[in-house]
């Protein structure tokens, strides 16, 4: 049977090369400059002709290797990982179909061109079933072969470009969903979701919750007041280091002003405790690297069930609330026994004035949350001593001092103190220390609600300012959440959460929708090319713009301009 023994170098044309370069340029950034081609052919003359007489590199290909049969080729292919495999179909030891079957299984993205001197349809049919790109009959001219290689290369690069675009979109949407991790954490510790619901929610964030043991750890880093500007920068750096501690068994959640929560999961309680100890050691190490920074850590109880995370979180909150009564850095374990109550007899000299220092209350009003109120109140009275709390005179003094401190805080928010419950002197006298505790809880809870309402008003202005910033800068392809956050002077995580809560959309979703609406206007009202419009609305890559446009509208920019409606 006649076989083509010579493949001439001049079969490559300038047009073919330009076509390839055009295709290559259209693909995702970072694509290798040369596609690898591997040849398997049992006839030496044919194999040598294909290898030697083609200027591979001049035409953006790399000749990555050759072999005389599939058995010899396979280990070489595994090492070279070619983009395109050209193989004869009829060879000794291992034929082209068997080789193709193995290559497609191990390297599904490799494109395969089969050369055959046999015209039987059964070979072509099996090749198609294997996912072979082309089935060419010998003899084949050099021009036809290189034309086929170029067509295969074009399809390959376009497929890679499409996959790159889809991966970019997936990562962007994943990043888009990250602000909602705080909602995931709230669901995990609320006790209101079923286990299957929690697992489904975690899966949307690509988080694996499976484990035999769990525990919650609450963390907060704070800066010294001596040099706020210097320590503020140190705090940002330390928090960035802290955020890098997350991993498969340490799930880190940003709680904004309240610090961070870490969900530790492990296969045994022993491993969990070892992991927790390593975590606290790392926190100490980070904080100690920045003199003037303090850390507070609340260690929650361990649980074997996902539904037990509520109890672990509650115990962590109880431990964490004690930070207001601890000088300097602290690690508080919820399993540690509570401090003993004071003696019943009141010794005024024995009372620590720091225990009734309103600075602690003011700090709690600034940074605490409603869930911590009961624990803060219990720690407050434990510190001053039950006997002191049971003194009518002392109790009245404490509650009045507490009220005026809280009223001053509320007025500092430019809110009315009239909403605060005033201390009832008669009940204070008749109902004892339990009333004092109950009143303090009510007062602090109300003050925190006022704080949140005042903050919400500020959020409205912040979100409006952020939207104006998007409207003025949407055409900037480098526009990011960080840039907007810097403009409104909030942290990116904080802005992301507030923006989502106030608008019902994440920052990136709002920005994408705004850009797409602007693109629709330009498609309707101008004759600009789609690639020009892509750049005008903030996208460097017109292919990614078209992908997003079709993702949102269901049709391409060209179809939209032509008046087509989505299905």
Protein backbone atom coordinates (compact mmCIF):
# COMPACT_ATOMS: atom_id res chain seq x y z
CA UNK A 1 0.00 0.00 0.00
CA UNK A 2 1.31 3.41 -0.93
CA UNK A 3 2.35 5.72 1.89
CA UNK A 4 3.35 9.38 1.64
CA UNK A 5 7.07 9.32 2.48
CA UNK A 6 7.82 13.04 2.31
CA UNK A 7 6.23 16.02 4.00
CA UNK A 8 7.71 19.23 2.64
CA UNK A 9 8.58 22.17 4.84
CA UNK A 10 6.95 24.65 2.48
CA UNK A 11 3.52 23.24 3.19
CA UNK A 12 3.22 25.83 5.93
CA UNK A 13 1.91 29.07 4.57
CA UNK A 14 2.11 32.53 6.03
CA UNK A 15 -1.67 32.65 6.25
CA UNK A 16 -1.77 29.50 8.37
CA UNK A 17 0.74 30.97 10.82
CA UNK A 18 -1.21 34.19 11.10
CA UNK A 19 -4.41 32.23 11.71
CA UNK A 20 -2.76 30.38 14.58
CA UNK A 21 -1.33 33.58 16.09
CA UNK A 22 -4.73 35.21 15.90
CA UNK A 23 -6.31 32.25 17.66
CA UNK A 24 -3.55 32.16 20.25
CA UNK A 25 -3.90 35.88 21.00
CA UNK A 26 -7.63 35.43 21.58
CA UNK A 27 -7.01 32.85 24.28
CA UNK A 28 -6.50 33.39 27.95
CA UNK A 29 -3.41 35.16 29.23
CA UNK A 30 -0.63 32.86 30.34
CA UNK A 31 -1.15 30.33 27.51
CA UNK A 32 2.14 28.65 26.50
CA UNK A 33 3.74 30.14 23.37
CA UNK A 34 4.08 26.77 21.66
CA UNK A 35 1.75 23.79 21.46
CA UNK A 36 3.48 20.43 21.83
CA UNK A 37 3.07 17.86 19.05
CA UNK A 38 3.98 14.19 19.52
CA UNK A 39 4.23 11.76 16.61
CA UNK A 40 3.74 7.96 16.64
CA UNK A 41 4.43 6.27 13.29
CA UNK A 42 5.93 2.85 12.65
CA UNK A 43 7.42 3.64 9.21
CA UNK A 44 10.76 5.38 9.76
CA UNK A 45 10.76 7.28 6.46
CA UNK A 46 7.33 8.78 7.05
CA UNK A 47 8.13 9.63 10.67
CA UNK A 48 11.43 11.24 9.70
CA UNK A 49 9.81 13.23 6.93
CA UNK A 50 7.15 14.67 9.25
CA UNK A 51 9.72 15.46 11.95
CA UNK A 52 12.58 16.89 9.90
CA UNK A 53 10.90 18.66 7.02
CA UNK A 54 8.57 20.89 9.04
CA UNK A 55 9.81 24.10 10.67
CA UNK A 56 7.76 23.50 13.82
CA UNK A 57 8.89 26.42 15.95
CA UNK A 58 8.53 28.93 13.13
CA UNK A 59 4.87 28.05 13.11
CA UNK A 60 4.33 28.05 16.88
CA UNK A 61 4.60 24.33 17.48
CA UNK A 62 7.10 22.30 19.46
CA UNK A 63 7.95 18.82 18.23
CA UNK A 64 7.86 17.12 21.64
CA UNK A 65 8.83 13.56 20.72
CA UNK A 66 8.36 10.50 18.53
CA UNK A 67 7.97 6.75 18.78
CA UNK A 68 7.51 3.78 16.43
CA UNK A 69 4.55 2.22 18.25
CA UNK A 70 2.06 2.90 21.03
CA UNK A 71 3.83 0.82 23.67
CA UNK A 72 7.07 2.81 23.29
CA UNK A 73 5.18 6.07 22.94
CA UNK A 74 3.10 5.84 26.11
CA UNK A 75 5.83 6.54 28.73
CA UNK A 76 7.20 9.33 26.54
CA UNK A 77 3.74 10.87 26.19
CA UNK A 78 3.25 10.72 29.95
CA UNK A 79 6.47 12.65 30.38
CA UNK A 80 6.02 15.17 27.55
CA UNK A 81 2.23 15.68 28.00
CA UNK A 82 1.71 16.84 24.38
CA UNK A 83 -1.17 19.06 23.32
CA UNK A 84 -1.62 17.26 20.01
CA UNK A 85 -0.92 13.59 19.32
CA UNK A 86 -0.52 12.38 15.73
CA UNK A 87 -0.60 8.60 15.52
CA UNK A 88 -0.75 5.91 12.88
CA UNK A 89 -3.62 3.50 13.49
CA UNK A 90 -1.98 0.23 12.35
CA UNK A 91 1.17 -0.45 14.37
CA UNK A 92 2.76 -3.46 16.07
CA UNK A 93 2.59 -4.09 19.83
CA UNK A 94 0.03 -1.32 20.54
CA UNK A 95 -2.02 0.21 17.76
CA UNK A 96 -3.24 3.79 17.48
CA UNK A 97 -6.73 3.11 18.78
CA UNK A 98 -5.49 1.44 21.95
CA UNK A 99 -2.98 4.26 22.47
CA UNK A 100 -5.70 6.86 21.90
CA UNK A 101 -7.97 5.14 24.41
CA UNK A 102 -5.28 5.32 27.12
CA UNK A 103 -4.22 8.87 26.30
CA UNK A 104 -7.80 10.16 26.32
CA UNK A 105 -8.35 8.56 29.71
CA UNK A 106 -5.19 10.00 31.26
CA UNK A 107 -5.02 13.31 29.38
CA UNK A 108 -8.56 14.17 28.20
CA UNK A 109 -7.51 17.59 26.91
CA UNK A 110 -4.97 16.15 24.46
CA UNK A 111 -6.24 16.38 20.89
CA UNK A 112 -5.58 13.32 18.72
CA UNK A 113 -5.15 13.09 14.94
CA UNK A 114 -5.19 9.54 13.55
CA UNK A 115 -3.48 8.69 10.26
CA UNK A 116 -4.55 5.50 8.57
CA UNK A 117 -3.90 3.66 5.39
CA UNK A 118 -7.17 1.81 5.87
CA UNK A 119 -10.49 3.27 4.86
CA UNK A 120 -12.76 0.96 6.77
CA UNK A 121 -15.57 2.82 8.45
CA UNK A 122 -15.26 0.68 11.60
CA UNK A 123 -11.90 2.30 12.43
CA UNK A 124 -13.30 5.80 11.97
CA UNK A 125 -16.36 4.97 14.04
CA UNK A 126 -14.29 3.66 16.94
CA UNK A 127 -11.98 6.68 16.69
CA UNK A 128 -14.96 9.02 16.94
CA UNK A 129 -16.26 7.14 19.97
CA UNK A 130 -12.88 7.61 21.66
CA UNK A 131 -13.06 11.37 21.14
CA UNK A 132 -10.37 11.54 18.45
CA UNK A 133 -10.29 14.98 16.80
CA UNK A 134 -9.49 13.93 13.24
CA UNK A 135 -9.29 10.73 11.22
CA UNK A 136 -7.20 11.21 8.09
CA UNK A 137 -6.63 8.64 5.35
CA UNK A 138 -3.19 8.04 3.88
CA UNK A 139 -1.68 9.08 1.66
CA UNK A 140 -2.19 12.67 2.82
CA UNK A 141 -0.42 15.70 1.46
CA UNK A 142 1.70 17.80 3.75
CA UNK A 143 -0.55 20.78 3.11
CA UNK A 144 -3.62 18.82 4.19
CA UNK A 145 -1.85 17.54 7.30
CA UNK A 146 -0.70 20.93 8.51
CA UNK A 147 -4.08 22.41 7.74
CA UNK A 148 -5.65 19.75 9.94
CA UNK A 149 -3.12 20.38 12.72
CA UNK A 150 -3.94 24.11 12.59
CA UNK A 151 -7.67 23.45 12.78
CA UNK A 152 -7.17 21.12 15.74
CA UNK A 153 -4.90 23.69 17.42
CA UNK A 154 -7.50 26.40 16.91
CA UNK A 155 -10.22 24.28 18.49
CA UNK A 156 -7.89 23.34 21.34
CA UNK A 157 -6.96 26.92 22.13
CA UNK A 158 -10.53 28.12 21.92
CA UNK A 159 -11.62 25.34 24.28
CA UNK A 160 -8.89 26.34 26.70
CA UNK A 161 -9.88 29.97 26.43
CA UNK A 162 -13.49 29.04 27.19
CA UNK A 163 -12.40 26.96 30.19
CA UNK A 164 -10.19 29.80 31.41
CA UNK A 165 -13.11 32.22 31.16
CA UNK A 166 -15.40 29.81 33.01
CA UNK A 167 -12.79 29.30 35.73
CA UNK A 168 -12.31 33.06 36.05
CA UNK A 169 -16.06 33.45 36.41
CA UNK A 170 -16.23 30.63 38.97
CA UNK A 171 -13.48 32.18 41.07
CA UNK A 172 -15.06 35.62 40.79
CA UNK A 173 -18.42 34.27 41.89
CA UNK A 174 -16.72 32.39 44.71
CA UNK A 175 -15.00 35.60 45.78
CA UNK A 176 -18.33 37.34 45.31
CA UNK A 177 -19.90 34.93 47.79
CA UNK A 178 -17.18 35.29 50.43
CA UNK A 179 -18.85 38.21 52.21
CA UNK A 180 -21.76 35.84 52.88
CA UNK A 181 -19.44 33.56 54.85
CA UNK A 182 -20.47 35.63 57.87
CA UNK A 183 -24.04 34.51 57.20
CA UNK A 184 -22.84 30.93 56.95
CA UNK A 185 -21.18 31.28 60.34
CA UNK A 186 -24.35 32.71 61.87
CA UNK A 187 -26.28 29.75 60.50
CA UNK A 188 -23.72 27.31 61.88
CA UNK A 189 -24.00 28.69 65.43
CA UNK A 190 -27.68 29.64 65.47
CA UNK A 191 -28.95 26.12 66.10
CA UNK A 192 -31.83 26.80 63.68
CA UNK A 193 -30.59 24.82 60.65
CA UNK A 194 -30.67 21.08 60.16
CA UNK A 195 -27.45 19.19 59.56
CA UNK A 196 -28.33 18.62 55.88
CA UNK A 197 -29.05 22.35 55.45
CA UNK A 198 -25.71 23.24 57.01
CA UNK A 199 -23.87 20.79 54.76
CA UNK A 200 -25.63 22.18 51.67
CA UNK A 201 -24.77 25.76 52.67
CA UNK A 202 -21.14 24.88 53.27
CA UNK A 203 -20.93 23.15 49.90
CA UNK A 204 -21.81 26.42 48.14
CA UNK A 205 -18.61 27.85 49.64
CA UNK A 206 -16.62 24.72 48.75
CA UNK A 207 -16.22 24.00 52.48
CA UNK A 208 -16.09 20.45 53.82
CA UNK A 209 -17.69 20.30 57.29
CA UNK A 210 -17.25 16.56 57.80
CA UNK A 211 -15.38 15.76 61.03
CA UNK A 212 -15.73 13.85 64.30
CA UNK A 213 -15.15 16.81 66.62
CA UNK A 214 -15.69 20.58 66.49
CA UNK A 215 -14.99 23.69 68.55
CA UNK A 216 -15.42 27.45 68.18
CA UNK A 217 -12.64 29.91 69.03
CA UNK A 218 -13.23 33.69 69.15
CA UNK A 219 -10.27 36.00 68.53
CA UNK A 220 -9.73 39.73 68.61
CA UNK A 221 -6.58 41.81 68.20
CA UNK A 222 -6.59 45.36 69.54
CA UNK A 223 -4.10 48.21 69.43
CA UNK A 224 -2.62 50.41 72.10
CA UNK A 225 -4.09 53.89 72.51
CA UNK A 226 -0.66 55.44 72.94
CA UNK A 227 0.01 55.97 69.24
CA UNK A 228 -3.23 55.19 67.34
CA UNK A 229 -1.81 55.89 63.89
CA UNK A 230 1.24 53.66 64.35
CA UNK A 231 -0.62 50.84 66.03
CA UNK A 232 -3.48 51.02 63.57
CA UNK A 233 -1.07 50.07 60.77
CA UNK A 234 0.39 47.29 62.91
CA UNK A 235 -3.13 46.04 63.63
CA UNK A 236 -3.92 45.80 59.93
CA UNK A 237 -0.75 43.79 59.28
CA UNK A 238 -1.37 41.51 62.25
CA UNK A 239 -4.96 40.88 61.14
CA UNK A 240 -3.72 40.01 57.65
CA UNK A 241 -1.39 37.43 59.20
CA UNK A 242 -4.26 36.13 61.29
CA UNK A 243 -6.45 35.73 58.20
CA UNK A 244 -3.77 33.55 56.61
CA UNK A 245 -4.21 30.93 59.34
CA UNK A 246 -7.35 29.48 57.76
CA UNK A 247 -7.26 26.05 56.17
CA UNK A 248 -9.19 22.78 55.77
CA UNK A 249 -9.34 22.21 59.54
CA UNK A 250 -9.30 25.87 60.61
CA UNK A 251 -12.24 27.71 59.05
CA UNK A 252 -11.79 31.43 59.67
CA UNK A 253 -14.79 33.80 59.69
CA UNK A 254 -14.49 37.59 59.79
CA UNK A 255 -16.83 39.11 62.41
CA UNK A 256 -15.94 42.71 61.52
CA UNK A 257 -15.55 44.86 64.65
CA UNK A 258 -16.00 41.80 66.84
CA UNK A 259 -12.83 40.15 65.52
CA UNK A 260 -12.71 36.64 64.10
CA UNK A 261 -14.26 33.27 64.76
CA UNK A 262 -12.47 30.02 63.97
CA UNK A 263 -14.26 26.73 63.53
CA UNK A 264 -11.82 23.95 64.34
CA UNK A 265 -12.68 20.49 63.10
CA UNK A 266 -10.76 17.27 63.64
CA UNK A 267 -11.07 13.49 63.64
CA UNK A 268 -10.67 13.25 67.42
CA UNK A 269 -10.85 15.47 70.48
CA UNK A 270 -7.16 14.90 71.10
CA UNK A 271 -6.27 16.19 67.64
CA UNK A 272 -8.67 19.11 68.04
CA UNK A 273 -7.08 20.20 71.32
CA UNK A 274 -3.62 19.94 69.75
CA UNK A 275 -4.79 22.05 66.81
CA UNK A 276 -6.33 24.60 69.16
CA UNK A 277 -3.13 24.82 71.19
CA UNK A 278 -1.12 25.37 68.01
CA UNK A 279 -3.59 28.07 66.96
CA UNK A 280 -3.33 29.99 70.24
CA UNK A 281 0.46 29.73 70.12
CA UNK A 282 0.40 31.20 66.60
CA UNK A 283 -1.87 34.04 67.75
CA UNK A 284 0.55 34.88 70.57
CA UNK A 285 3.43 34.78 68.12
CA UNK A 286 1.70 37.18 65.71
CA UNK A 287 0.70 39.66 68.43
CA UNK A 288 4.12 39.62 70.08
CA UNK A 289 5.71 40.53 66.76
CA UNK A 290 3.91 43.89 66.97
CA UNK A 291 4.64 45.53 70.35
CA UNK A 292 1.61 47.43 71.60
CA UNK A 293 -0.92 44.94 70.27
CA UNK A 294 -3.10 42.86 72.52
CA UNK A 295 -5.02 39.69 71.84
CA UNK A 296 -8.11 38.18 73.41
CA UNK A 297 -9.12 34.58 72.76
CA UNK A 298 -12.24 32.78 73.94
CA UNK A 299 -12.12 28.98 73.72
CA UNK A 300 -15.47 27.26 73.26
CA UNK A 301 -16.41 23.77 74.36
CA UNK A 302 -15.88 20.77 72.09
CA UNK A 303 -18.75 18.94 70.45
CA UNK A 304 -19.16 15.84 68.31
CA UNK A 305 -22.14 17.23 66.39
CA UNK A 306 -22.62 20.09 63.96
CA UNK A 307 -25.78 21.02 65.81
CA UNK A 308 -23.61 21.32 68.93
CA UNK A 309 -21.81 24.34 67.47
CA UNK A 310 -24.39 26.61 69.11
CA UNK A 311 -23.34 25.44 72.57
CA UNK A 312 -19.67 25.71 71.61
CA UNK A 313 -20.23 29.27 70.37
CA UNK A 314 -22.21 30.28 73.46
CA UNK A 315 -19.47 28.98 75.72
CA UNK A 316 -16.84 30.78 73.63
CA UNK A 317 -18.85 34.01 73.96
CA UNK A 318 -19.01 33.55 77.71
CA UNK A 319 -15.24 33.14 77.88
CA UNK A 320 -14.63 35.92 75.36
CA UNK A 321 -16.74 38.44 77.29
CA UNK A 322 -14.30 38.20 80.19
CA UNK A 323 -11.72 40.12 78.12
CA UNK A 324 -13.23 43.36 79.41
CA UNK A 325 -12.13 42.38 82.92
CA UNK A 326 -8.63 41.22 82.05
CA UNK A 327 -5.65 43.52 81.80
CA UNK A 328 -3.60 42.97 78.66
CA UNK A 329 -3.74 39.92 76.43
CA UNK A 330 -5.69 36.88 77.51
CA UNK A 331 -6.74 33.37 76.47
CA UNK A 332 -9.85 32.29 78.33
CA UNK A 333 -11.07 28.70 78.28
CA UNK A 334 -14.78 28.21 78.79
CA UNK A 335 -13.95 24.99 80.62
CA UNK A 336 -11.97 26.86 83.31
CA UNK A 337 -13.82 27.23 86.65
CA UNK A 338 -15.37 30.60 87.48
CA UNK A 339 -13.69 32.80 90.05
CA UNK A 340 -15.06 32.29 93.57
CA UNK A 341 -17.59 34.75 94.91
CA UNK A 342 -16.49 37.40 97.40
CA UNK A 343 -17.19 37.10 101.09
CA UNK A 344 -20.53 38.34 102.32
CA UNK A 345 -19.05 41.01 104.60
CA UNK A 346 -18.26 44.20 102.72
CA UNK A 347 -14.76 45.54 103.17
CA UNK A 348 -14.64 48.78 101.21
CA UNK A 349 -10.85 48.66 101.22
CA UNK A 350 -10.89 45.26 99.53
CA UNK A 351 -12.96 46.40 96.56
CA UNK A 352 -10.86 46.87 93.45
CA UNK A 353 -11.78 50.28 91.98
CA UNK A 354 -10.96 48.89 88.54
CA UNK A 355 -13.82 46.44 88.99
CA UNK A 356 -16.31 49.31 88.89
CA UNK A 357 -14.37 51.38 86.37
CA UNK A 358 -16.85 52.67 83.79
CA UNK A 359 -14.13 52.51 81.12
CA UNK A 360 -14.90 48.80 80.86
CA UNK A 361 -18.57 49.54 80.33
CA UNK A 362 -17.76 52.19 77.72
CA UNK A 363 -15.48 49.72 75.91
CA UNK A 364 -18.20 47.09 75.93
CA UNK A 365 -20.72 49.57 74.56
CA UNK A 366 -18.31 50.37 71.70
CA UNK A 367 -17.32 46.85 70.72
CA UNK A 368 -19.59 44.33 72.44
CA UNK A 369 -22.67 42.64 71.06
CA UNK A 370 -26.07 41.71 72.47
CA UNK A 371 -25.14 38.03 72.75
CA UNK A 372 -22.33 38.90 75.15
CA UNK A 373 -24.46 41.03 77.49
CA UNK A 374 -25.42 38.26 79.98
CA UNK A 375 -21.83 37.09 80.26
CA UNK A 376 -20.47 40.62 80.64
CA UNK A 377 -22.96 41.39 83.43
CA UNK A 378 -22.13 38.19 85.31
CA UNK A 379 -18.41 38.88 85.05
CA UNK A 380 -18.98 42.47 86.15
CA UNK A 381 -20.75 41.44 89.34
CA UNK A 382 -18.34 38.59 89.96
CA UNK A 383 -15.47 41.08 89.83
CA UNK A 384 -17.00 43.52 92.30
CA UNK A 385 -18.10 40.65 94.54
CA UNK A 386 -21.57 39.40 95.35
CA UNK A 387 -21.49 40.96 98.81
CA UNK A 388 -20.79 44.41 97.37
CA UNK A 389 -23.62 43.86 94.90
CA UNK A 390 -25.93 43.01 97.76
CA UNK A 391 -25.31 46.34 99.52
CA UNK A 392 -28.20 48.74 98.83
CA UNK A 393 -25.97 51.83 98.93
CA UNK A 394 -23.29 50.28 96.78
CA UNK A 395 -25.87 48.88 94.38
CA UNK A 396 -27.50 52.30 93.93
CA UNK A 397 -24.11 53.87 93.29
CA UNK A 398 -23.25 51.26 90.66
CA UNK A 399 -26.56 51.52 88.80
CA UNK A 400 -26.52 55.32 88.73
CA UNK A 401 -22.92 55.31 87.53
CA UNK A 402 -23.86 52.71 84.90
CA UNK A 403 -26.84 54.75 83.72
CA UNK A 404 -24.90 58.00 83.32
CA UNK A 405 -22.04 56.22 81.55
CA UNK A 406 -24.51 54.62 79.12
CA UNK A 407 -26.42 57.86 78.63
CA UNK A 408 -23.17 59.66 77.79
CA UNK A 409 -22.34 56.97 75.22
CA UNK A 410 -25.78 57.21 73.58
CA UNK A 411 -25.65 61.00 73.41
CA UNK A 412 -22.22 60.70 71.84
CA UNK A 413 -23.97 58.86 69.01
CA UNK A 414 -26.27 61.88 68.67
CA UNK A 415 -29.18 59.80 69.92
CA UNK A 416 -31.67 60.60 72.67
CA UNK A 417 -31.07 59.19 76.14
CA UNK A 418 -34.84 59.15 76.70
CA UNK A 419 -35.04 55.63 75.29
CA UNK A 420 -32.83 54.28 78.05
CA UNK A 421 -34.59 52.74 81.05
CA UNK A 422 -33.85 54.79 84.18
CA UNK A 423 -32.86 52.90 87.35
CA UNK A 424 -35.82 52.33 89.68
CA UNK A 425 -34.53 53.25 93.14
CA UNK A 426 -37.40 51.53 94.94
CA UNK A 427 -36.85 48.21 93.15
CA UNK A 428 -33.13 48.60 93.67
CA UNK A 429 -33.77 48.77 97.42
CA UNK A 430 -36.37 46.02 97.67
CA UNK A 431 -35.30 43.43 95.07
CA UNK A 432 -31.60 43.17 95.79
CA UNK A 433 -28.71 42.14 93.56
CA UNK A 434 -30.82 40.16 91.12
CA UNK A 435 -32.64 43.34 90.12
CA UNK A 436 -29.30 45.08 89.61
CA UNK A 437 -28.20 42.35 87.22
CA UNK A 438 -31.51 42.39 85.35
CA UNK A 439 -31.47 46.18 85.03
CA UNK A 440 -27.88 46.22 83.78
CA UNK A 441 -28.71 43.63 81.11
CA UNK A 442 -31.75 45.63 79.98
CA UNK A 443 -29.82 48.89 79.88
CA UNK A 444 -26.87 47.53 77.92
CA UNK A 445 -29.10 45.65 75.48
CA UNK A 446 -31.07 48.81 74.76
CA UNK A 447 -27.90 50.87 74.33
CA UNK A 448 -26.48 48.37 71.86
CA UNK A 449 -29.74 48.45 69.87
CA UNK A 450 -29.47 52.26 69.71
CA UNK A 451 -25.85 51.91 68.61
CA UNK A 452 -26.84 49.56 65.78
CA UNK A 453 -29.61 51.90 64.64
CA UNK A 454 -27.24 54.85 64.61
CA UNK A 455 -24.72 52.76 62.68
CA UNK A 456 -27.43 51.81 60.18
CA UNK A 457 -28.00 55.48 59.43
CA UNK A 458 -24.30 55.88 58.80
CA UNK A 459 -24.40 52.79 56.59
CA UNK A 460 -26.99 54.43 54.35
CA UNK A 461 -24.61 57.31 53.68
CA UNK A 462 -21.65 54.95 53.20
CA UNK A 463 -23.51 52.76 50.70
CA UNK A 464 -24.76 55.81 48.79
CA UNK A 465 -21.19 57.09 48.60
CA UNK A 466 -20.00 53.68 47.39
CA UNK A 467 -22.63 53.59 44.66
CA UNK A 468 -21.60 57.07 43.50
CA UNK A 469 -18.02 55.85 43.38
CA UNK A 470 -19.07 52.90 41.19
CA UNK A 471 -21.02 55.22 38.88
CA UNK A 472 -17.95 57.45 38.46
CA UNK A 473 -15.36 54.68 38.08
CA UNK A 474 -17.13 51.66 36.53
CA UNK A 475 -15.08 52.07 33.32
CA UNK A 476 -11.86 51.46 35.23
CA UNK A 477 -10.96 47.79 34.65
CA UNK A 478 -8.98 47.79 37.89
CA UNK A 479 -11.90 48.91 40.05
CA UNK A 480 -12.11 46.67 43.12
CA UNK A 481 -13.86 46.43 46.45
CA UNK A 482 -10.59 47.51 48.11
CA UNK A 483 -10.53 50.73 46.11
CA UNK A 484 -14.11 51.55 47.03
CA UNK A 485 -13.44 50.68 50.68
CA UNK A 486 -10.45 53.01 50.73
CA UNK A 487 -12.63 55.77 49.28
CA UNK A 488 -15.31 55.46 51.97
CA UNK A 489 -12.69 54.74 54.69
CA UNK A 490 -13.94 51.38 55.81
CA UNK A 491 -12.27 47.97 55.72
CA UNK A 492 -13.10 45.88 52.62
CA UNK A 493 -14.74 43.13 54.70
CA UNK A 494 -16.84 45.64 56.61
CA UNK A 495 -17.94 47.49 53.46
CA UNK A 496 -18.71 44.18 51.74
CA UNK A 497 -21.00 43.02 54.53
CA UNK A 498 -22.79 46.35 54.93
CA UNK A 499 -23.17 46.83 51.17
CA UNK A 500 -24.73 43.38 50.84
CA UNK A 501 -27.10 43.95 53.76
CA UNK A 502 -28.19 47.40 52.55
CA UNK A 503 -28.57 46.67 48.82
CA UNK A 504 -29.33 42.94 48.78
CA UNK A 505 -26.40 42.48 46.36
CA UNK A 506 -22.71 41.92 46.82
CA UNK A 507 -20.34 44.62 45.60
CA UNK A 508 -19.17 42.63 42.56
CA UNK A 509 -22.73 41.70 41.58
CA UNK A 510 -23.83 45.34 41.79
CA UNK A 511 -20.78 46.44 39.77
CA UNK A 512 -21.31 43.74 37.12
CA UNK A 513 -25.01 44.61 36.75
CA UNK A 514 -24.18 48.30 36.43
CA UNK A 515 -21.57 47.59 33.75
CA UNK A 516 -23.92 45.30 31.83
CA UNK A 517 -26.67 47.94 31.84
CA UNK A 518 -24.20 50.50 30.51
CA UNK A 519 -23.16 47.99 27.85
CA UNK A 520 -26.79 47.57 26.80
CA UNK A 521 -27.12 51.33 26.39
CA UNK A 522 -24.01 51.45 24.20
CA UNK A 523 -25.17 48.49 22.12
CA UNK A 524 -28.51 50.16 21.48
CA UNK A 525 -27.33 53.74 20.98
CA UNK A 526 -23.92 53.48 19.28
CA UNK A 527 -22.25 51.64 16.44
CA UNK A 528 -19.20 50.73 18.51
CA UNK A 529 -17.81 47.24 18.23
CA UNK A 530 -18.46 44.83 21.07
CA UNK A 531 -14.74 44.84 21.94
CA UNK A 532 -14.78 48.65 22.24
CA UNK A 533 -17.86 48.55 24.44
CA UNK A 534 -16.21 45.94 26.63
CA UNK A 535 -13.33 48.33 27.29
CA UNK A 536 -15.71 51.28 27.80
CA UNK A 537 -17.51 49.46 30.61
CA UNK A 538 -14.40 48.21 32.37
CA UNK A 539 -13.38 44.89 30.79
CA UNK A 540 -9.93 44.38 29.26
CA UNK A 541 -10.90 41.00 27.82
CA UNK A 542 -13.75 41.23 25.27
CA UNK A 543 -14.26 37.46 25.44
CA UNK A 544 -14.88 37.61 29.17
CA UNK A 545 -17.23 40.55 28.63
CA UNK A 546 -19.21 38.55 26.08
CA UNK A 547 -19.28 35.56 28.43
CA UNK A 548 -20.66 37.70 31.30
CA UNK A 549 -23.14 39.43 29.01
CA UNK A 550 -24.55 36.13 27.79
CA UNK A 551 -24.53 34.76 31.34
CA UNK A 552 -26.73 37.64 32.47
CA UNK A 553 -28.98 38.18 29.45
CA UNK A 554 -29.06 34.74 27.82
CA UNK A 555 -27.90 36.14 24.48
CA UNK A 556 -24.66 37.48 23.03
CA UNK A 557 -23.97 41.24 22.61
CA UNK A 558 -24.36 40.79 18.84
CA UNK A 559 -27.76 39.15 19.26
CA UNK A 560 -28.83 41.85 21.71
CA UNK A 561 -27.89 44.57 19.22
CA UNK A 562 -29.88 42.73 16.55
CA UNK A 563 -32.99 42.85 18.71
CA UNK A 564 -33.12 39.14 19.57
CA UNK A 565 -34.81 38.10 22.77
CA UNK A 566 -33.44 35.47 25.15
CA UNK A 567 -35.14 32.07 25.14
